[in-house]
Amino acid sequence: MLQADFTDAGSGVPSQVPVEVVDEISHRTPGFSGWQQEHWLYHCDDAASFMGRVGYNDLVALPGAMEMLWHENDDSGWSPEETEAYLRRLEPDGEATGYWFRCVVCQSDLAYSDTA
């Protein structure tokens, strides 16, 4: 048996998520490729399902995911104009990419982004 991690499932995991869920994501769930260090999203005390890479046009139909991205850089002091310009650059295979997840419990859409 190979001792491999498919994705970084351990950083930023809410304390209510059972260790078995993190183990499942880390060792038995195929990962995805991102520009920087990939990470899994969690919601309702469980791992969300990775739905795919998305761009701005995809996110328009995913208001929950878009809302997360609008606030992703709040701590960095981005202005609303900077945030809007960045979000409009998101492309599934572009230099700025969104990563879409869906909660397996409540079906909320979630997302994070990164750049090359």
PDB file of N, CA and C in Angstrom:
ATOM      1  N   MET A   1       0.841  -1.178   0.000  1.00  0.00           N
ATOM      2  CA  MET A   1       0.000   0.000   0.000  1.00  0.00           C
ATOM      3  C   MET A   1       0.889   1.244   0.000  1.00  0.00           C
ATOM      4  N   LEU A   2       0.579   2.151  -0.891  1.00  0.00           N
ATOM      5  CA  LEU A   2       1.322   3.406  -0.958  1.00  0.00           C
ATOM      6  C   LEU A   2       0.860   4.342   0.145  1.00  0.00           C
ATOM      7  N   GLN A   3       1.782   5.051   0.729  1.00  0.00           N
ATOM      8  CA  GLN A   3       1.459   6.064   1.739  1.00  0.00           C
ATOM      9  C   GLN A   3       1.492   7.421   1.043  1.00  0.00           C
ATOM     10  N   ALA A   4       0.393   7.781   0.397  1.00  0.00           N
ATOM     11  CA  ALA A   4       0.351   9.008  -0.390  1.00  0.00           C
ATOM     12  C   ALA A   4      -0.770   9.915   0.093  1.00  0.00           C
ATOM     13  N   ASP A   5      -0.544  11.214  -0.008  1.00  0.00           N
ATOM     14  CA  ASP A   5      -1.586  12.200   0.234  1.00  0.00           C
ATOM     15  C   ASP A   5      -2.016  12.729  -1.121  1.00  0.00           C
ATOM     16  N   PHE A   6      -3.330  12.739  -1.357  1.00  0.00           N
ATOM     17  CA  PHE A   6      -3.838  13.237  -2.624  1.00  0.00           C
ATOM     18  C   PHE A   6      -3.995  14.746  -2.636  1.00  0.00           C
ATOM     19  N   THR A   7      -4.321  15.317  -1.502  1.00  0.00           N
ATOM     20  CA  THR A   7      -4.554  16.753  -1.427  1.00  0.00           C
ATOM     21  C   THR A   7      -4.288  17.207   0.002  1.00  0.00           C
ATOM     22  N   ASP A   8      -4.040  18.487   0.177  1.00  0.00           N
ATOM     23  CA  ASP A   8      -3.829  19.029   1.514  1.00  0.00           C
ATOM     24  C   ASP A   8      -5.188  19.206   2.170  1.00  0.00           C
ATOM     25  N   ALA A   9      -5.623  18.183   2.873  1.00  0.00           N
ATOM     26  CA  ALA A   9      -6.935  18.223   3.510  1.00  0.00           C
ATOM     27  C   ALA A   9      -6.848  18.706   4.943  1.00  0.00           C
ATOM     28  N   GLY A  10      -5.644  18.880   5.462  1.00  0.00           N
ATOM     29  CA  GLY A  10      -5.479  19.162   6.871  1.00  0.00           C
ATOM     30  C   GLY A  10      -5.372  20.623   7.261  1.00  0.00           C
ATOM     31  N   SER A  11      -5.093  21.520   6.345  1.00  0.00           N
ATOM     32  CA  SER A  11      -4.946  22.924   6.739  1.00  0.00           C
ATOM     33  C   SER A  11      -6.299  23.624   6.722  1.00  0.00           C
ATOM     34  N   GLY A  12      -6.589  24.336   7.775  1.00  0.00           N
ATOM     35  CA  GLY A  12      -7.832  25.093   7.843  1.00  0.00           C
ATOM     36  C   GLY A  12      -9.076  24.260   8.058  1.00  0.00           C
ATOM     37  N   VAL A  13      -8.935  23.053   8.582  1.00  0.00           N
ATOM     38  CA  VAL A  13     -10.096  22.205   8.822  1.00  0.00           C
ATOM     39  C   VAL A  13     -10.799  22.677  10.099  1.00  0.00           C
ATOM     40  N   PRO A  14     -12.098  22.935  10.033  1.00  0.00           N
ATOM     41  CA  PRO A  14     -12.821  23.306  11.254  1.00  0.00           C
ATOM     42  C   PRO A  14     -12.725  22.189  12.296  1.00  0.00           C
ATOM     43  N   SER A  15     -12.640  22.562  13.553  1.00  0.00           N
ATOM     44  CA  SER A  15     -12.437  21.577  14.615  1.00  0.00           C
ATOM     45  C   SER A  15     -13.572  20.564  14.730  1.00  0.00           C
ATOM     46  N   GLN A  16     -14.757  20.885  14.224  1.00  0.00           N
ATOM     47  CA  GLN A  16     -15.892  19.970  14.316  1.00  0.00           C
ATOM     48  C   GLN A  16     -15.842  18.848  13.279  1.00  0.00           C
ATOM     49  N   VAL A  17     -14.968  18.955  12.284  1.00  0.00           N
ATOM     50  CA  VAL A  17     -14.881  17.937  11.239  1.00  0.00           C
ATOM     51  C   VAL A  17     -14.153  16.721  11.810  1.00  0.00           C
ATOM     52  N   PRO A  18     -14.781  15.541  11.759  1.00  0.00           N
ATOM     53  CA  PRO A  18     -14.145  14.344  12.307  1.00  0.00           C
ATOM     54  C   PRO A  18     -12.831  14.012  11.589  1.00  0.00           C
ATOM     55  N   VAL A  19     -11.891  13.478  12.341  1.00  0.00           N
ATOM     56  CA  VAL A  19     -10.586  13.112  11.789  1.00  0.00           C
ATOM     57  C   VAL A  19     -10.740  12.079  10.667  1.00  0.00           C
ATOM     58  N   GLU A  20     -11.756  11.244  10.725  1.00  0.00           N
ATOM     59  CA  GLU A  20     -11.998  10.243   9.679  1.00  0.00           C
ATOM     60  C   GLU A  20     -12.309  10.900   8.334  1.00  0.00           C
ATOM     61  N   VAL A  21     -12.983  12.049   8.377  1.00  0.00           N
ATOM     62  CA  VAL A  21     -13.301  12.781   7.149  1.00  0.00           C
ATOM     63  C   VAL A  21     -12.013  13.333   6.528  1.00  0.00           C
ATOM     64  N   VAL A  22     -11.161  13.896   7.351  1.00  0.00           N
ATOM     65  CA  VAL A  22      -9.887  14.434   6.861  1.00  0.00           C
ATOM     66  C   VAL A  22      -9.038  13.306   6.291  1.00  0.00           C
ATOM     67  N   ASP A  23      -9.012  12.161   6.953  1.00  0.00           N
ATOM     68  CA  ASP A  23      -8.272  11.002   6.464  1.00  0.00           C
ATOM     69  C   ASP A  23      -8.807  10.536   5.111  1.00  0.00           C
ATOM     70  N   GLU A  24     -10.118  10.518   4.948  1.00  0.00           N
ATOM     71  CA  GLU A  24     -10.745  10.116   3.679  1.00  0.00           C
ATOM     72  C   GLU A  24     -10.310  11.034   2.539  1.00  0.00           C
ATOM     73  N   ILE A  25     -10.339  12.346   2.784  1.00  0.00           N
ATOM     74  CA  ILE A  25      -9.931  13.309   1.754  1.00  0.00           C
ATOM     75  C   ILE A  25      -8.439  13.172   1.463  1.00  0.00           C
ATOM     76  N   SER A  26      -7.639  13.037   2.498  1.00  0.00           N
ATOM     77  CA  SER A  26      -6.181  12.989   2.326  1.00  0.00           C
ATOM     78  C   SER A  26      -5.697  11.736   1.613  1.00  0.00           C
ATOM     79  N   HIS A  27      -6.299  10.602   1.906  1.00  0.00           N
ATOM     80  CA  HIS A  27      -5.721   9.332   1.458  1.00  0.00           C
ATOM     81  C   HIS A  27      -6.566   8.520   0.487  1.00  0.00           C
ATOM     82  N   ARG A  28      -7.860   8.840   0.347  1.00  0.00           N
ATOM     83  CA  ARG A  28      -8.700   8.013  -0.512  1.00  0.00           C
ATOM     84  C   ARG A  28      -9.557   8.803  -1.502  1.00  0.00           C
ATOM     85  N   THR A  29      -9.350  10.105  -1.571  1.00  0.00           N
ATOM     86  CA  THR A  29     -10.110  10.944  -2.500  1.00  0.00           C
ATOM     87  C   THR A  29      -9.142  11.557  -3.505  1.00  0.00           C
ATOM     88  N   PRO A  30      -9.367  11.305  -4.804  1.00  0.00           N
ATOM     89  CA  PRO A  30      -8.470  11.916  -5.791  1.00  0.00           C
ATOM     90  C   PRO A  30      -8.443  13.438  -5.648  1.00  0.00           C
ATOM     91  N   GLY A  31      -7.271  13.985  -5.766  1.00  0.00           N
ATOM     92  CA  GLY A  31      -7.097  15.418  -5.637  1.00  0.00           C
ATOM     93  C   GLY A  31      -7.364  16.147  -6.936  1.00  0.00           C
ATOM     94  N   PHE A  32      -6.998  17.406  -6.959  1.00  0.00           N
ATOM     95  CA  PHE A  32      -7.127  18.239  -8.146  1.00  0.00           C
ATOM     96  C   PHE A  32      -5.880  19.095  -8.234  1.00  0.00           C
ATOM     97  N   SER A  33      -5.642  19.637  -9.393  1.00  0.00           N
ATOM     98  CA  SER A  33      -4.443  20.424  -9.626  1.00  0.00           C
ATOM     99  C   SER A  33      -4.779  21.910  -9.575  1.00  0.00           C
ATOM    100  N   GLY A  34      -3.991  22.657  -8.804  1.00  0.00           N
ATOM    101  CA  GLY A  34      -4.160  24.094  -8.716  1.00  0.00           C
ATOM    102  C   GLY A  34      -2.838  24.791  -8.969  1.00  0.00           C
ATOM    103  N   TRP A  35      -2.882  26.116  -8.999  1.00  0.00           N
ATOM    104  CA  TRP A  35      -1.658  26.878  -9.226  1.00  0.00           C
ATOM    105  C   TRP A  35      -0.751  26.849  -8.008  1.00  0.00           C
ATOM    106  N   GLN A  36      -1.323  27.019  -6.846  1.00  0.00           N
ATOM    107  CA  GLN A  36      -0.554  27.024  -5.606  1.00  0.00           C
ATOM    108  C   GLN A  36      -0.863  25.720  -4.867  1.00  0.00           C
ATOM    109  N   GLN A  37      -0.705  25.712  -3.576  1.00  0.00           N
ATOM    110  CA  GLN A  37      -1.032  24.537  -2.775  1.00  0.00           C
ATOM    111  C   GLN A  37      -2.551  24.369  -2.716  1.00  0.00           C
ATOM    112  N   GLU A  38      -3.046  23.268  -3.254  1.00  0.00           N
ATOM    113  CA  GLU A  38      -4.475  23.002  -3.231  1.00  0.00           C
ATOM    114  C   GLU A  38      -4.920  22.764  -1.792  1.00  0.00           C
ATOM    115  N   HIS A  39      -6.160  23.090  -1.504  1.00  0.00           N
ATOM    116  CA  HIS A  39      -6.732  22.745  -0.205  1.00  0.00           C
ATOM    117  C   HIS A  39      -8.213  22.446  -0.363  1.00  0.00           C
ATOM    118  N   TRP A  40      -8.705  21.618   0.518  1.00  0.00           N
ATOM    119  CA  TRP A  40     -10.097  21.178   0.473  1.00  0.00           C
ATOM    120  C   TRP A  40     -10.952  22.133   1.284  1.00  0.00           C
ATOM    121  N   LEU A  41     -12.219  22.286   0.889  1.00  0.00           N
ATOM    122  CA  LEU A  41     -13.151  23.112   1.642  1.00  0.00           C
ATOM    123  C   LEU A  41     -14.128  22.224   2.421  1.00  0.00           C
ATOM    124  N   TYR A  42     -14.586  22.759   3.548  1.00  0.00           N
ATOM    125  CA  TYR A  42     -15.478  22.043   4.454  1.00  0.00           C
ATOM    126  C   TYR A  42     -16.687  22.910   4.762  1.00  0.00           C
ATOM    127  N   HIS A  43     -17.812  22.246   5.032  1.00  0.00           N
ATOM    128  CA  HIS A  43     -19.046  22.957   5.373  1.00  0.00           C
ATOM    129  C   HIS A  43     -19.942  21.978   6.104  1.00  0.00           C
ATOM    130  N   CYS A  44     -20.752  22.445   7.012  1.00  0.00           N
ATOM    131  CA  CYS A  44     -21.666  21.592   7.788  1.00  0.00           C
ATOM    132  C   CYS A  44     -20.929  20.424   8.442  1.00  0.00           C
ATOM    133  N   ASP A  45     -19.730  20.695   8.955  1.00  0.00           N
ATOM    134  CA  ASP A  45     -18.919  19.705   9.671  1.00  0.00           C
ATOM    135  C   ASP A  45     -18.566  18.487   8.827  1.00  0.00           C
ATOM    136  N   ASP A  46     -18.455  18.678   7.525  1.00  0.00           N
ATOM    137  CA  ASP A  46     -18.090  17.592   6.614  1.00  0.00           C
ATOM    138  C   ASP A  46     -17.265  18.168   5.456  1.00  0.00           C
ATOM    139  N   ALA A  47     -16.616  17.282   4.725  1.00  0.00           N
ATOM    140  CA  ALA A  47     -15.876  17.703   3.533  1.00  0.00           C
ATOM    141  C   ALA A  47     -16.863  17.989   2.408  1.00  0.00           C
ATOM    142  N   ALA A  48     -16.632  19.070   1.697  1.00  0.00           N
ATOM    143  CA  ALA A  48     -17.458  19.386   0.531  1.00  0.00           C
ATOM    144  C   ALA A  48     -16.969  18.573  -0.665  1.00  0.00           C
ATOM    145  N   SER A  49     -17.802  18.466  -1.680  1.00  0.00           N
ATOM    146  CA  SER A  49     -17.421  17.792  -2.928  1.00  0.00           C
ATOM    147  C   SER A  49     -16.759  18.791  -3.862  1.00  0.00           C
ATOM    148  N   PHE A  50     -15.627  18.397  -4.429  1.00  0.00           N
ATOM    149  CA  PHE A  50     -14.977  19.251  -5.425  1.00  0.00           C
ATOM    150  C   PHE A  50     -15.736  19.100  -6.728  1.00  0.00           C
ATOM    151  N   MET A  51     -16.217  20.222  -7.264  1.00  0.00           N
ATOM    152  CA  MET A  51     -17.021  20.219  -8.480  1.00  0.00           C
ATOM    153  C   MET A  51     -16.204  20.559  -9.723  1.00  0.00           C
ATOM    154  N   GLY A  52     -15.124  21.322  -9.560  1.00  0.00           N
ATOM    155  CA  GLY A  52     -14.299  21.643 -10.713  1.00  0.00           C
ATOM    156  C   GLY A  52     -13.714  23.034 -10.656  1.00  0.00           C
ATOM    157  N   ARG A  53     -12.911  23.320 -11.661  1.00  0.00           N
ATOM    158  CA  ARG A  53     -12.307  24.646 -11.823  1.00  0.00           C
ATOM    159  C   ARG A  53     -13.316  25.532 -12.536  1.00  0.00           C
ATOM    160  N   VAL A  54     -13.402  26.778 -12.109  1.00  0.00           N
ATOM    161  CA  VAL A  54     -14.397  27.683 -12.679  1.00  0.00           C
ATOM    162  C   VAL A  54     -13.802  29.061 -12.928  1.00  0.00           C
ATOM    163  N   GLY A  55     -14.477  29.784 -13.808  1.00  0.00           N
ATOM    164  CA  GLY A  55     -14.144  31.168 -14.092  1.00  0.00           C
ATOM    165  C   GLY A  55     -15.290  32.078 -13.700  1.00  0.00           C
ATOM    166  N   TYR A  56     -15.104  33.351 -13.940  1.00  0.00           N
ATOM    167  CA  TYR A  56     -16.098  34.362 -13.563  1.00  0.00           C
ATOM    168  C   TYR A  56     -17.472  34.044 -14.144  1.00  0.00           C
ATOM    169  N   ASN A  57     -17.532  33.706 -15.417  1.00  0.00           N
ATOM    170  CA  ASN A  57     -18.821  33.445 -16.058  1.00  0.00           C
ATOM    171  C   ASN A  57     -19.546  32.273 -15.411  1.00  0.00           C
ATOM    172  N   ASP A  58     -18.823  31.271 -14.936  1.00  0.00           N
ATOM    173  CA  ASP A  58     -19.434  30.138 -14.231  1.00  0.00           C
ATOM    174  C   ASP A  58     -19.958  30.584 -12.868  1.00  0.00           C
ATOM    175  N   LEU A  59     -19.192  31.429 -12.207  1.00  0.00           N
ATOM    176  CA  LEU A  59     -19.517  31.844 -10.852  1.00  0.00           C
ATOM    177  C   LEU A  59     -20.751  32.727 -10.759  1.00  0.00           C
ATOM    178  N   VAL A  60     -21.105  33.388 -11.838  1.00  0.00           N
ATOM    179  CA  VAL A  60     -22.303  34.228 -11.838  1.00  0.00           C
ATOM    180  C   VAL A  60     -23.527  33.393 -11.452  1.00  0.00           C
ATOM    181  N   ALA A  61     -23.553  32.129 -11.840  1.00  0.00           N
ATOM    182  CA  ALA A  61     -24.671  31.239 -11.522  1.00  0.00           C
ATOM    183  C   ALA A  61     -24.514  30.563 -10.161  1.00  0.00           C
ATOM    184  N   LEU A  62     -23.446  30.885  -9.428  1.00  0.00           N
ATOM    185  CA  LEU A  62     -23.154  30.272  -8.129  1.00  0.00           C
ATOM    186  C   LEU A  62     -22.977  31.369  -7.084  1.00  0.00           C
ATOM    187  N   PRO A  63     -24.061  32.015  -6.660  1.00  0.00           N
ATOM    188  CA  PRO A  63     -23.926  33.184  -5.785  1.00  0.00           C
ATOM    189  C   PRO A  63     -23.223  32.898  -4.460  1.00  0.00           C
ATOM    190  N   GLY A  64     -23.402  31.734  -3.873  1.00  0.00           N
ATOM    191  CA  GLY A  64     -22.716  31.421  -2.623  1.00  0.00           C
ATOM    192  C   GLY A  64     -21.211  31.357  -2.809  1.00  0.00           C
ATOM    193  N   ALA A  65     -20.791  30.726  -3.889  1.00  0.00           N
ATOM    194  CA  ALA A  65     -19.364  30.632  -4.205  1.00  0.00           C
ATOM    195  C   ALA A  65     -18.804  32.018  -4.513  1.00  0.00           C
ATOM    196  N   MET A  66     -19.550  32.802  -5.271  1.00  0.00           N
ATOM    197  CA  MET A  66     -19.102  34.156  -5.610  1.00  0.00           C
ATOM    198  C   MET A  66     -18.959  35.003  -4.349  1.00  0.00           C
ATOM    199  N   GLU A  67     -19.883  34.852  -3.417  1.00  0.00           N
ATOM    200  CA  GLU A  67     -19.812  35.611  -2.165  1.00  0.00           C
ATOM    201  C   GLU A  67     -18.539  35.278  -1.399  1.00  0.00           C
ATOM    202  N   MET A  68     -18.173  34.015  -1.350  1.00  0.00           N
ATOM    203  CA  MET A  68     -16.927  33.632  -0.673  1.00  0.00           C
ATOM    204  C   MET A  68     -15.729  34.299  -1.331  1.00  0.00           C
ATOM    205  N   LEU A  69     -15.715  34.306  -2.661  1.00  0.00           N
ATOM    206  CA  LEU A  69     -14.593  34.899  -3.380  1.00  0.00           C
ATOM    207  C   LEU A  69     -14.534  36.416  -3.204  1.00  0.00           C
ATOM    208  N   TRP A  70     -15.694  37.050  -3.082  1.00  0.00           N
ATOM    209  CA  TRP A  70     -15.722  38.499  -2.857  1.00  0.00           C
ATOM    210  C   TRP A  70     -15.003  38.866  -1.574  1.00  0.00           C
ATOM    211  N   HIS A  71     -15.002  37.968  -0.604  1.00  0.00           N
ATOM    212  CA  HIS A  71     -14.414  38.266   0.704  1.00  0.00           C
ATOM    213  C   HIS A  71     -13.090  37.553   0.941  1.00  0.00           C
ATOM    214  N   GLU A  72     -12.611  36.851  -0.051  1.00  0.00           N
ATOM    215  CA  GLU A  72     -11.392  36.071   0.082  1.00  0.00           C
ATOM    216  C   GLU A  72     -10.168  36.930   0.428  1.00  0.00           C
ATOM    217  N   ASN A  73     -10.130  38.149  -0.070  1.00  0.00           N
ATOM    218  CA  ASN A  73      -8.960  39.013   0.150  1.00  0.00           C
ATOM    219  C   ASN A  73      -9.246  40.205   1.049  1.00  0.00           C
ATOM    220  N   ASP A  74     -10.315  40.103   1.848  1.00  0.00           N
ATOM    221  CA  ASP A  74     -10.648  41.190   2.772  1.00  0.00           C
ATOM    222  C   ASP A  74      -9.498  41.492   3.725  1.00  0.00           C
ATOM    223  N   ASP A  75      -8.859  40.458   4.241  1.00  0.00           N
ATOM    224  CA  ASP A  75      -7.765  40.659   5.193  1.00  0.00           C
ATOM    225  C   ASP A  75      -6.545  41.318   4.560  1.00  0.00           C
ATOM    226  N   SER A  76      -6.473  41.292   3.239  1.00  0.00           N
ATOM    227  CA  SER A  76      -5.349  41.914   2.541  1.00  0.00           C
ATOM    228  C   SER A  76      -5.633  43.365   2.180  1.00  0.00           C
ATOM    229  N   GLY A  77      -6.831  43.841   2.514  1.00  0.00           N
ATOM    230  CA  GLY A  77      -7.159  45.238   2.289  1.00  0.00           C
ATOM    231  C   GLY A  77      -7.527  45.582   0.856  1.00  0.00           C
ATOM    232  N   TRP A  78      -7.973  44.599   0.082  1.00  0.00           N
ATOM    233  CA  TRP A  78      -8.357  44.892  -1.298  1.00  0.00           C
ATOM    234  C   TRP A  78      -9.589  45.787  -1.324  1.00  0.00           C
ATOM    235  N   SER A  79      -9.588  46.717  -2.252  1.00  0.00           N
ATOM    236  CA  SER A  79     -10.759  47.573  -2.457  1.00  0.00           C
ATOM    237  C   SER A  79     -11.803  46.782  -3.254  1.00  0.00           C
ATOM    238  N   PRO A  80     -13.063  47.229  -3.220  1.00  0.00           N
ATOM    239  CA  PRO A  80     -14.081  46.573  -4.045  1.00  0.00           C
ATOM    240  C   PRO A  80     -13.712  46.560  -5.535  1.00  0.00           C
ATOM    241  N   GLU A  81     -13.057  47.611  -5.991  1.00  0.00           N
ATOM    242  CA  GLU A  81     -12.660  47.681  -7.405  1.00  0.00           C
ATOM    243  C   GLU A  81     -11.573  46.646  -7.726  1.00  0.00           C
ATOM    244  N   GLU A  82     -10.616  46.493  -6.828  1.00  0.00           N
ATOM    245  CA  GLU A  82      -9.566  45.488  -7.027  1.00  0.00           C
ATOM    246  C   GLU A  82     -10.155  44.079  -7.020  1.00  0.00           C
ATOM    247  N   THR A  83     -11.081  43.843  -6.102  1.00  0.00           N
ATOM    248  CA  THR A  83     -11.727  42.538  -6.023  1.00  0.00           C
ATOM    249  C   THR A  83     -12.508  42.247  -7.297  1.00  0.00           C
ATOM    250  N   GLU A  84     -13.284  43.210  -7.749  1.00  0.00           N
ATOM    251  CA  GLU A  84     -14.082  43.036  -8.977  1.00  0.00           C
ATOM    252  C   GLU A  84     -13.181  42.729 -10.170  1.00  0.00           C
ATOM    253  N   ALA A  85     -12.094  43.470 -10.310  1.00  0.00           N
ATOM    254  CA  ALA A  85     -11.167  43.252 -11.436  1.00  0.00           C
ATOM    255  C   ALA A  85     -10.555  41.852 -11.361  1.00  0.00           C
ATOM    256  N   TYR A  86     -10.171  41.435 -10.167  1.00  0.00           N
ATOM    257  CA  TYR A  86      -9.591  40.104  -9.997  1.00  0.00           C
ATOM    258  C   TYR A  86     -10.608  39.023 -10.340  1.00  0.00           C
ATOM    259  N   LEU A  87     -11.822  39.129  -9.805  1.00  0.00           N
ATOM    260  CA  LEU A  87     -12.839  38.108 -10.069  1.00  0.00           C
ATOM    261  C   LEU A  87     -13.156  37.995 -11.560  1.00  0.00           C
ATOM    262  N   ARG A  88     -13.172  39.114 -12.249  1.00  0.00           N
ATOM    263  CA  ARG A  88     -13.458  39.083 -13.687  1.00  0.00           C
ATOM    264  C   ARG A  88     -12.347  38.405 -14.489  1.00  0.00           C
ATOM    265  N   ARG A  89     -11.153  38.295 -13.904  1.00  0.00           N
ATOM    266  CA  ARG A  89     -10.029  37.604 -14.576  1.00  0.00           C
ATOM    267  C   ARG A  89     -10.068  36.098 -14.384  1.00  0.00           C
ATOM    268  N   LEU A  90     -10.901  35.596 -13.482  1.00  0.00           N
ATOM    269  CA  LEU A  90     -10.927  34.153 -13.219  1.00  0.00           C
ATOM    270  C   LEU A  90     -11.380  33.379 -14.453  1.00  0.00           C
ATOM    271  N   GLU A  91     -10.621  32.363 -14.798  1.00  0.00           N
ATOM    272  CA  GLU A  91     -10.919  31.455 -15.913  1.00  0.00           C
ATOM    273  C   GLU A  91     -10.624  30.039 -15.451  1.00  0.00           C
ATOM    274  N   PRO A  92     -11.383  29.036 -15.921  1.00  0.00           N
ATOM    275  CA  PRO A  92     -11.116  27.653 -15.502  1.00  0.00           C
ATOM    276  C   PRO A  92      -9.672  27.215 -15.759  1.00  0.00           C
ATOM    277  N   ASP A  93      -9.094  27.667 -16.835  1.00  0.00           N
ATOM    278  CA  ASP A  93      -7.718  27.293 -17.170  1.00  0.00           C
ATOM    279  C   ASP A  93      -6.832  28.515 -17.344  1.00  0.00           C
ATOM    280  N   GLY A  94      -7.192  29.604 -16.684  1.00  0.00           N
ATOM    281  CA  GLY A  94      -6.431  30.840 -16.804  1.00  0.00           C
ATOM    282  C   GLY A  94      -5.369  30.962 -15.720  1.00  0.00           C
ATOM    283  N   GLU A  95      -4.710  32.110 -15.694  1.00  0.00           N
ATOM    284  CA  GLU A  95      -3.685  32.363 -14.681  1.00  0.00           C
ATOM    285  C   GLU A  95      -4.294  32.688 -13.325  1.00  0.00           C
ATOM    286  N   ALA A  96      -5.570  33.005 -13.299  1.00  0.00           N
ATOM    287  CA  ALA A  96      -6.343  33.143 -12.062  1.00  0.00           C
ATOM    288  C   ALA A  96      -7.529  32.192 -12.211  1.00  0.00           C
ATOM    289  N   THR A  97      -7.688  31.296 -11.255  1.00  0.00           N
ATOM    290  CA  THR A  97      -8.675  30.216 -11.378  1.00  0.00           C
ATOM    291  C   THR A  97      -9.482  30.085 -10.097  1.00  0.00           C
ATOM    292  N   GLY A  98     -10.770  29.792 -10.257  1.00  0.00           N
ATOM    293  CA  GLY A  98     -11.625  29.482  -9.126  1.00  0.00           C
ATOM    294  C   GLY A  98     -11.754  27.976  -8.974  1.00  0.00           C
ATOM    295  N   TYR A  99     -11.914  27.529  -7.730  1.00  0.00           N
ATOM    296  CA  TYR A  99     -12.087  26.104  -7.419  1.00  0.00           C
ATOM    297  C   TYR A  99     -13.419  25.963  -6.691  1.00  0.00           C
ATOM    298  N   TRP A 100     -14.377  25.291  -7.331  1.00  0.00           N
ATOM    299  CA  TRP A 100     -15.761  25.212  -6.874  1.00  0.00           C
ATOM    300  C   TRP A 100     -15.993  23.922  -6.100  1.00  0.00           C
ATOM    301  N   PHE A 101     -16.618  24.050  -4.943  1.00  0.00           N
ATOM    302  CA  PHE A 101     -17.010  22.930  -4.103  1.00  0.00           C
ATOM    303  C   PHE A 101     -18.494  23.063  -3.784  1.00  0.00           C
ATOM    304  N   ARG A 102     -19.117  21.939  -3.424  1.00  0.00           N
ATOM    305  CA  ARG A 102     -20.517  21.962  -2.998  1.00  0.00           C
ATOM    306  C   ARG A 102     -20.644  21.158  -1.709  1.00  0.00           C
ATOM    307  N   CYS A 103     -21.340  21.728  -0.734  1.00  0.00           N
ATOM    308  CA  CYS A 103     -21.561  21.053   0.540  1.00  0.00           C
ATOM    309  C   CYS A 103     -22.413  19.808   0.304  1.00  0.00           C
ATOM    310  N   VAL A 104     -21.983  18.681   0.868  1.00  0.00           N
ATOM    311  CA  VAL A 104     -22.714  17.419   0.704  1.00  0.00           C
ATOM    312  C   VAL A 104     -23.938  17.360   1.618  1.00  0.00           C
ATOM    313  N   VAL A 105     -24.025  18.262   2.583  1.00  0.00           N
ATOM    314  CA  VAL A 105     -25.140  18.264   3.518  1.00  0.00           C
ATOM    315  C   VAL A 105     -26.238  19.239   3.077  1.00  0.00           C
ATOM    316  N   CYS A 106     -25.874  20.505   2.883  1.00  0.00           N
ATOM    317  CA  CYS A 106     -26.878  21.540   2.587  1.00  0.00           C
ATOM    318  C   CYS A 106     -26.865  22.022   1.139  1.00  0.00           C
ATOM    319  N   GLN A 107     -25.939  21.518   0.335  1.00  0.00           N
ATOM    320  CA  GLN A 107     -25.815  21.869  -1.083  1.00  0.00           C
ATOM    321  C   GLN A 107     -25.367  23.305  -1.349  1.00  0.00           C
ATOM    322  N   SER A 108     -24.806  23.983  -0.345  1.00  0.00           N
ATOM    323  CA  SER A 108     -24.266  25.330  -0.562  1.00  0.00           C
ATOM    324  C   SER A 108     -23.062  25.264  -1.493  1.00  0.00           C
ATOM    325  N   ASP A 109     -22.946  26.261  -2.356  1.00  0.00           N
ATOM    326  CA  ASP A 109     -21.792  26.368  -3.239  1.00  0.00           C
ATOM    327  C   ASP A 109     -20.702  27.172  -2.540  1.00  0.00           C
ATOM    328  N   LEU A 110     -19.466  26.675  -2.628  1.00  0.00           N
ATOM    329  CA  LEU A 110     -18.301  27.261  -1.974  1.00  0.00           C
ATOM    330  C   LEU A 110     -17.202  27.430  -3.019  1.00  0.00           C
ATOM    331  N   ALA A 111     -16.239  28.286  -2.747  1.00  0.00           N
ATOM    332  CA  ALA A 111     -15.126  28.437  -3.685  1.00  0.00           C
ATOM    333  C   ALA A 111     -13.941  29.124  -3.029  1.00  0.00           C
ATOM    334  N   TYR A 112     -12.796  28.877  -3.603  1.00  0.00           N
ATOM    335  CA  TYR A 112     -11.595  29.676  -3.339  1.00  0.00           C
ATOM    336  C   TYR A 112     -10.898  29.861  -4.664  1.00  0.00           C
ATOM    337  N   SER A 113      -9.905  30.740  -4.708  1.00  0.00           N
ATOM    338  CA  SER A 113      -9.194  30.985  -5.958  1.00  0.00           C
ATOM    339  C   SER A 113      -7.711  31.072  -5.694  1.00  0.00           C
ATOM    340  N   ASP A 114      -6.942  30.966  -6.762  1.00  0.00           N
ATOM    341  CA  ASP A 114      -5.512  31.240  -6.686  1.00  0.00           C
ATOM    342  C   ASP A 114      -4.992  31.623  -8.057  1.00  0.00           C
ATOM    343  N   THR A 115      -3.747  32.067  -8.086  1.00  0.00           N
ATOM    344  CA  THR A 115      -3.156  32.545  -9.326  1.00  0.00           C
ATOM    345  C   THR A 115      -1.787  31.893  -9.546  1.00  0.00           C
ATOM    346  N   ALA A 116      -1.391  31.914 -10.803  1.00  0.00           N
ATOM    347  CA  ALA A 116      -0.083  31.357 -11.176  1.00  0.00           C
ATOM    348  C   ALA A 116       1.025  32.210 -10.638  1.00  0.00           C
TER     349      ALA A 116
END
